[in-house]
Amino acid sequence: MCPPGSQPSLPGERVEGDPGLRSVVLVEFPDADRAGAWYDSPADQPLKAVRHGAARNNAVLITG
């Protein structure tokens, strides 16, 4: 959690969503290539459609 008026200082690439959202869910992958492969995978596409229709969210790929 970040104090009011601040935001996390992590290098990352937001690949979808609204930058004003503040809740966080972290999913760890062994490396950036596998994270990108998961995000772009055909198996995740139907889940993206559900997610986009049901919630406002961000997806940010962070390395480090």
PDB file of N, CA and C in Angstrom:
ATOM      1  N   MET A   1       0.848  -1.177   0.000  1.00  0.00           N
ATOM      2  CA  MET A   1       0.000   0.000   0.000  1.00  0.00           C
ATOM      3  C   MET A   1       0.885   1.229   0.000  1.00  0.00           C
ATOM      4  N   CYS A   2       0.446   2.233  -0.706  1.00  0.00           N
ATOM      5  CA  CYS A   2       1.163   3.499  -0.761  1.00  0.00           C
ATOM      6  C   CYS A   2       0.397   4.546   0.029  1.00  0.00           C
ATOM      7  N   PRO A   3       1.105   5.433   0.693  1.00  0.00           N
ATOM      8  CA  PRO A   3       0.420   6.508   1.399  1.00  0.00           C
ATOM      9  C   PRO A   3      -0.346   7.390   0.415  1.00  0.00           C
ATOM     10  N   PRO A   4      -1.399   8.065   0.882  1.00  0.00           N
ATOM     11  CA  PRO A   4      -2.148   8.954  -0.005  1.00  0.00           C
ATOM     12  C   PRO A   4      -1.219   9.960  -0.673  1.00  0.00           C
ATOM     13  N   GLY A   5      -1.448  10.182  -1.959  1.00  0.00           N
ATOM     14  CA  GLY A   5      -0.652  11.131  -2.713  1.00  0.00           C
ATOM     15  C   GLY A   5       0.643  10.564  -3.263  1.00  0.00           C
ATOM     16  N   SER A   6       0.892   9.268  -3.062  1.00  0.00           N
ATOM     17  CA  SER A   6       2.101   8.656  -3.599  1.00  0.00           C
ATOM     18  C   SER A   6       1.721   7.479  -4.472  1.00  0.00           C
ATOM     19  N   GLN A   7       2.707   6.935  -5.150  1.00  0.00           N
ATOM     20  CA  GLN A   7       2.475   5.748  -5.965  1.00  0.00           C
ATOM     21  C   GLN A   7       3.715   4.881  -5.929  1.00  0.00           C
ATOM     22  N   PRO A   8       3.586   3.593  -6.254  1.00  0.00           N
ATOM     23  CA  PRO A   8       4.752   2.723  -6.214  1.00  0.00           C
ATOM     24  C   PRO A   8       5.800   3.193  -7.208  1.00  0.00           C
ATOM     25  N   SER A   9       7.047   2.995  -6.873  1.00  0.00           N
ATOM     26  CA  SER A   9       8.140   3.406  -7.733  1.00  0.00           C
ATOM     27  C   SER A   9       8.797   2.158  -8.310  1.00  0.00           C
ATOM     28  N   LEU A  10       8.088   1.485  -9.168  1.00  0.00           N
ATOM     29  CA  LEU A  10       8.595   0.275  -9.802  1.00  0.00           C
ATOM     30  C   LEU A  10       8.645   0.498 -11.302  1.00  0.00           C
ATOM     31  N   PRO A  11       9.723   0.102 -11.954  1.00  0.00           N
ATOM     32  CA  PRO A  11       9.749   0.209 -13.406  1.00  0.00           C
ATOM     33  C   PRO A  11       8.781  -0.803 -13.996  1.00  0.00           C
ATOM     34  N   GLY A  12       7.922  -0.359 -14.860  1.00  0.00           N
ATOM     35  CA  GLY A  12       6.958  -1.284 -15.435  1.00  0.00           C
ATOM     36  C   GLY A  12       6.319  -0.713 -16.669  1.00  0.00           C
ATOM     37  N   GLU A  13       5.712  -1.587 -17.422  1.00  0.00           N
ATOM     38  CA  GLU A  13       5.009  -1.208 -18.640  1.00  0.00           C
ATOM     39  C   GLU A  13       3.542  -1.558 -18.451  1.00  0.00           C
ATOM     40  N   ARG A  14       2.677  -0.535 -18.338  1.00  0.00           N
ATOM     41  CA  ARG A  14       1.241  -0.797 -18.227  1.00  0.00           C
ATOM     42  C   ARG A  14       0.766  -1.235 -19.601  1.00  0.00           C
ATOM     43  N   VAL A  15       0.211  -2.425 -19.681  1.00  0.00           N
ATOM     44  CA  VAL A  15      -0.236  -2.962 -20.957  1.00  0.00           C
ATOM     45  C   VAL A  15      -1.737  -2.864 -21.137  1.00  0.00           C
ATOM     46  N   GLU A  16      -2.465  -2.530 -20.079  1.00  0.00           N
ATOM     47  CA  GLU A  16      -3.893  -2.265 -20.197  1.00  0.00           C
ATOM     48  C   GLU A  16      -4.358  -1.555 -18.951  1.00  0.00           C
ATOM     49  N   GLY A  17      -5.478  -0.871 -19.040  1.00  0.00           N
ATOM     50  CA  GLY A  17      -6.127  -0.361 -17.848  1.00  0.00           C
ATOM     51  C   GLY A  17      -6.068   1.129 -17.614  1.00  0.00           C
ATOM     52  N   ASP A  18      -6.503   1.505 -16.431  1.00  0.00           N
ATOM     53  CA  ASP A  18      -6.676   2.881 -15.992  1.00  0.00           C
ATOM     54  C   ASP A  18      -5.600   3.211 -14.970  1.00  0.00           C
ATOM     55  N   PRO A  19      -4.718   4.176 -15.251  1.00  0.00           N
ATOM     56  CA  PRO A  19      -3.634   4.465 -14.316  1.00  0.00           C
ATOM     57  C   PRO A  19      -4.102   5.005 -12.970  1.00  0.00           C
ATOM     58  N   GLY A  20      -5.368   5.397 -12.833  1.00  0.00           N
ATOM     59  CA  GLY A  20      -5.873   5.912 -11.571  1.00  0.00           C
ATOM     60  C   GLY A  20      -6.286   4.845 -10.570  1.00  0.00           C
ATOM     61  N   LEU A  21      -6.301   3.588 -10.966  1.00  0.00           N
ATOM     62  CA  LEU A  21      -6.705   2.514 -10.050  1.00  0.00           C
ATOM     63  C   LEU A  21      -5.601   2.234  -9.041  1.00  0.00           C
ATOM     64  N   ARG A  22      -5.983   1.794  -7.828  1.00  0.00           N
ATOM     65  CA  ARG A  22      -5.006   1.648  -6.753  1.00  0.00           C
ATOM     66  C   ARG A  22      -4.906   0.257  -6.140  1.00  0.00           C
ATOM     67  N   SER A  23      -5.804  -0.672  -6.406  1.00  0.00           N
ATOM     68  CA  SER A  23      -5.659  -2.007  -5.823  1.00  0.00           C
ATOM     69  C   SER A  23      -4.626  -2.793  -6.630  1.00  0.00           C
ATOM     70  N   VAL A  24      -3.995  -3.774  -5.985  1.00  0.00           N
ATOM     71  CA  VAL A  24      -2.877  -4.491  -6.603  1.00  0.00           C
ATOM     72  C   VAL A  24      -3.039  -5.992  -6.416  1.00  0.00           C
ATOM     73  N   VAL A  25      -2.802  -6.732  -7.483  1.00  0.00           N
ATOM     74  CA  VAL A  25      -2.659  -8.192  -7.433  1.00  0.00           C
ATOM     75  C   VAL A  25      -1.343  -8.492  -8.127  1.00  0.00           C
ATOM     76  N   LEU A  26      -0.473  -9.233  -7.481  1.00  0.00           N
ATOM     77  CA  LEU A  26       0.827  -9.578  -8.061  1.00  0.00           C
ATOM     78  C   LEU A  26       0.842 -11.035  -8.483  1.00  0.00           C
ATOM     79  N   VAL A  27       1.381 -11.273  -9.664  1.00  0.00           N
ATOM     80  CA  VAL A  27       1.599 -12.629 -10.160  1.00  0.00           C
ATOM     81  C   VAL A  27       3.064 -12.689 -10.575  1.00  0.00           C
ATOM     82  N   GLU A  28       3.802 -13.641 -10.050  1.00  0.00           N
ATOM     83  CA  GLU A  28       5.238 -13.730 -10.318  1.00  0.00           C
ATOM     84  C   GLU A  28       5.513 -14.761 -11.406  1.00  0.00           C
ATOM     85  N   PHE A  29       6.400 -14.399 -12.311  1.00  0.00           N
ATOM     86  CA  PHE A  29       6.865 -15.294 -13.367  1.00  0.00           C
ATOM     87  C   PHE A  29       8.386 -15.383 -13.279  1.00  0.00           C
ATOM     88  N   PRO A  30       8.975 -16.463 -13.790  1.00  0.00           N
ATOM     89  CA  PRO A  30      10.431 -16.613 -13.717  1.00  0.00           C
ATOM     90  C   PRO A  30      11.197 -15.515 -14.468  1.00  0.00           C
ATOM     91  N   ASP A  31      10.594 -14.983 -15.541  1.00  0.00           N
ATOM     92  CA  ASP A  31      11.263 -13.928 -16.300  1.00  0.00           C
ATOM     93  C   ASP A  31      10.236 -13.162 -17.138  1.00  0.00           C
ATOM     94  N   ALA A  32      10.678 -12.047 -17.711  1.00  0.00           N
ATOM     95  CA  ALA A  32       9.783 -11.172 -18.472  1.00  0.00           C
ATOM     96  C   ALA A  32       9.233 -11.861 -19.721  1.00  0.00           C
ATOM     97  N   ASP A  33      10.037 -12.695 -20.339  1.00  0.00           N
ATOM     98  CA  ASP A  33       9.567 -13.389 -21.542  1.00  0.00           C
ATOM     99  C   ASP A  33       8.377 -14.293 -21.238  1.00  0.00           C
ATOM    100  N   ARG A  34       8.429 -14.983 -20.112  1.00  0.00           N
ATOM    101  CA  ARG A  34       7.314 -15.873 -19.754  1.00  0.00           C
ATOM    102  C   ARG A  34       6.082 -15.077 -19.331  1.00  0.00           C
ATOM    103  N   ALA A  35       6.286 -13.931 -18.702  1.00  0.00           N
ATOM    104  CA  ALA A  35       5.154 -13.068 -18.350  1.00  0.00           C
ATOM    105  C   ALA A  35       4.469 -12.569 -19.620  1.00  0.00           C
ATOM    106  N   GLY A  36       5.259 -12.102 -20.577  1.00  0.00           N
ATOM    107  CA  GLY A  36       4.690 -11.639 -21.844  1.00  0.00           C
ATOM    108  C   GLY A  36       4.009 -12.761 -22.606  1.00  0.00           C
ATOM    109  N   ALA A  37       4.600 -13.946 -22.564  1.00  0.00           N
ATOM    110  CA  ALA A  37       3.996 -15.098 -23.247  1.00  0.00           C
ATOM    111  C   ALA A  37       2.647 -15.438 -22.617  1.00  0.00           C
ATOM    112  N   TRP A  38       2.557 -15.368 -21.287  1.00  0.00           N
ATOM    113  CA  TRP A  38       1.274 -15.614 -20.622  1.00  0.00           C
ATOM    114  C   TRP A  38       0.257 -14.560 -21.039  1.00  0.00           C
ATOM    115  N   TYR A  39       0.646 -13.296 -20.997  1.00  0.00           N
ATOM    116  CA  TYR A  39      -0.286 -12.211 -21.302  1.00  0.00           C
ATOM    117  C   TYR A  39      -0.799 -12.303 -22.741  1.00  0.00           C
ATOM    118  N   ASP A  40       0.062 -12.697 -23.664  1.00  0.00           N
ATOM    119  CA  ASP A  40      -0.312 -12.770 -25.080  1.00  0.00           C
ATOM    120  C   ASP A  40      -0.823 -14.141 -25.499  1.00  0.00           C
ATOM    121  N   SER A  41      -0.869 -15.096 -24.581  1.00  0.00           N
ATOM    122  CA  SER A  41      -1.213 -16.468 -24.944  1.00  0.00           C
ATOM    123  C   SER A  41      -2.664 -16.597 -25.403  1.00  0.00           C
ATOM    124  N   PRO A  42      -2.917 -17.486 -26.366  1.00  0.00           N
ATOM    125  CA  PRO A  42      -4.282 -17.727 -26.813  1.00  0.00           C
ATOM    126  C   PRO A  42      -5.192 -18.164 -25.653  1.00  0.00           C
ATOM    127  N   ALA A  43      -4.656 -18.888 -24.683  1.00  0.00           N
ATOM    128  CA  ALA A  43      -5.470 -19.348 -23.555  1.00  0.00           C
ATOM    129  C   ALA A  43      -5.963 -18.183 -22.696  1.00  0.00           C
ATOM    130  N   ASP A  44      -5.223 -17.066 -22.649  1.00  0.00           N
ATOM    131  CA  ASP A  44      -5.626 -15.934 -21.814  1.00  0.00           C
ATOM    132  C   ASP A  44      -6.614 -15.008 -22.524  1.00  0.00           C
ATOM    133  N   GLN A  45      -6.747 -15.093 -23.820  1.00  0.00           N
ATOM    134  CA  GLN A  45      -7.604 -14.151 -24.545  1.00  0.00           C
ATOM    135  C   GLN A  45      -9.062 -14.176 -24.082  1.00  0.00           C
ATOM    136  N   PRO A  46      -9.684 -15.343 -23.885  1.00  0.00           N
ATOM    137  CA  PRO A  46     -11.064 -15.338 -23.377  1.00  0.00           C
ATOM    138  C   PRO A  46     -11.170 -14.728 -21.973  1.00  0.00           C
ATOM    139  N   LEU A  47     -10.137 -14.937 -21.151  1.00  0.00           N
ATOM    140  CA  LEU A  47     -10.145 -14.357 -19.811  1.00  0.00           C
ATOM    141  C   LEU A  47     -10.031 -12.837 -19.864  1.00  0.00           C
ATOM    142  N   LYS A  48      -9.254 -12.323 -20.808  1.00  0.00           N
ATOM    143  CA  LYS A  48      -9.159 -10.870 -20.994  1.00  0.00           C
ATOM    144  C   LYS A  48     -10.521 -10.290 -21.330  1.00  0.00           C
ATOM    145  N   ALA A  49     -11.250 -10.957 -22.199  1.00  0.00           N
ATOM    146  CA  ALA A  49     -12.579 -10.468 -22.587  1.00  0.00           C
ATOM    147  C   ALA A  49     -13.504 -10.395 -21.372  1.00  0.00           C
ATOM    148  N   VAL A  50     -13.468 -11.405 -20.524  1.00  0.00           N
ATOM    149  CA  VAL A  50     -14.284 -11.397 -19.308  1.00  0.00           C
ATOM    150  C   VAL A  50     -13.826 -10.273 -18.380  1.00  0.00           C
ATOM    151  N   ARG A  51     -12.531 -10.177 -18.185  1.00  0.00           N
ATOM    152  CA  ARG A  51     -11.961  -9.158 -17.304  1.00  0.00           C
ATOM    153  C   ARG A  51     -12.339  -7.755 -17.781  1.00  0.00           C
ATOM    154  N   HIS A  52     -12.196  -7.499 -19.064  1.00  0.00           N
ATOM    155  CA  HIS A  52     -12.515  -6.174 -19.599  1.00  0.00           C
ATOM    156  C   HIS A  52     -13.997  -5.851 -19.498  1.00  0.00           C
ATOM    157  N   GLY A  53     -14.848  -6.860 -19.561  1.00  0.00           N
ATOM    158  CA  GLY A  53     -16.278  -6.633 -19.467  1.00  0.00           C
ATOM    159  C   GLY A  53     -16.798  -6.514 -18.042  1.00  0.00           C
ATOM    160  N   ALA A  54     -16.027  -7.015 -17.075  1.00  0.00           N
ATOM    161  CA  ALA A  54     -16.540  -7.100 -15.710  1.00  0.00           C
ATOM    162  C   ALA A  54     -15.866  -6.155 -14.723  1.00  0.00           C
ATOM    163  N   ALA A  55     -14.708  -5.616 -15.066  1.00  0.00           N
ATOM    164  CA  ALA A  55     -13.973  -4.835 -14.063  1.00  0.00           C
ATOM    165  C   ALA A  55     -13.095  -3.788 -14.732  1.00  0.00           C
ATOM    166  N   ARG A  56     -12.777  -2.760 -13.954  1.00  0.00           N
ATOM    167  CA  ARG A  56     -11.736  -1.820 -14.354  1.00  0.00           C
ATOM    168  C   ARG A  56     -10.451  -2.337 -13.720  1.00  0.00           C
ATOM    169  N   ASN A  57      -9.422  -2.514 -14.510  1.00  0.00           N
ATOM    170  CA  ASN A  57      -8.177  -3.055 -13.976  1.00  0.00           C
ATOM    171  C   ASN A  57      -6.980  -2.525 -14.745  1.00  0.00           C
ATOM    172  N   ASN A  58      -5.814  -2.730 -14.179  1.00  0.00           N
ATOM    173  CA  ASN A  58      -4.544  -2.476 -14.837  1.00  0.00           C
ATOM    174  C   ASN A  58      -3.804  -3.784 -14.974  1.00  0.00           C
ATOM    175  N   ALA A  59      -3.040  -3.898 -16.014  1.00  0.00           N
ATOM    176  CA  ALA A  59      -2.076  -4.985 -16.135  1.00  0.00           C
ATOM    177  C   ALA A  59      -0.729  -4.315 -16.392  1.00  0.00           C
ATOM    178  N   VAL A  60       0.221  -4.546 -15.491  1.00  0.00           N
ATOM    179  CA  VAL A  60       1.541  -3.914 -15.586  1.00  0.00           C
ATOM    180  C   VAL A  60       2.580  -5.021 -15.495  1.00  0.00           C
ATOM    181  N   LEU A  61       3.479  -5.055 -16.457  1.00  0.00           N
ATOM    182  CA  LEU A  61       4.579  -6.032 -16.421  1.00  0.00           C
ATOM    183  C   LEU A  61       5.782  -5.330 -15.803  1.00  0.00           C
ATOM    184  N   ILE A  62       6.243  -5.829 -14.653  1.00  0.00           N
ATOM    185  CA  ILE A  62       7.343  -5.231 -13.905  1.00  0.00           C
ATOM    186  C   ILE A  62       8.522  -6.188 -13.905  1.00  0.00           C
ATOM    187  N   THR A  63       9.686  -5.691 -14.225  1.00  0.00           N
ATOM    188  CA  THR A  63      10.891  -6.522 -14.160  1.00  0.00           C
ATOM    189  C   THR A  63      11.740  -6.063 -12.980  1.00  0.00           C
ATOM    190  N   GLY A  64      12.398  -7.023 -12.377  1.00  0.00           N
ATOM    191  CA  GLY A  64      13.295  -6.650 -11.291  1.00  0.00           C
ATOM    192  C   GLY A  64      13.156  -7.542 -10.102  1.00  0.00           C
TER     193      GLY A  64
END
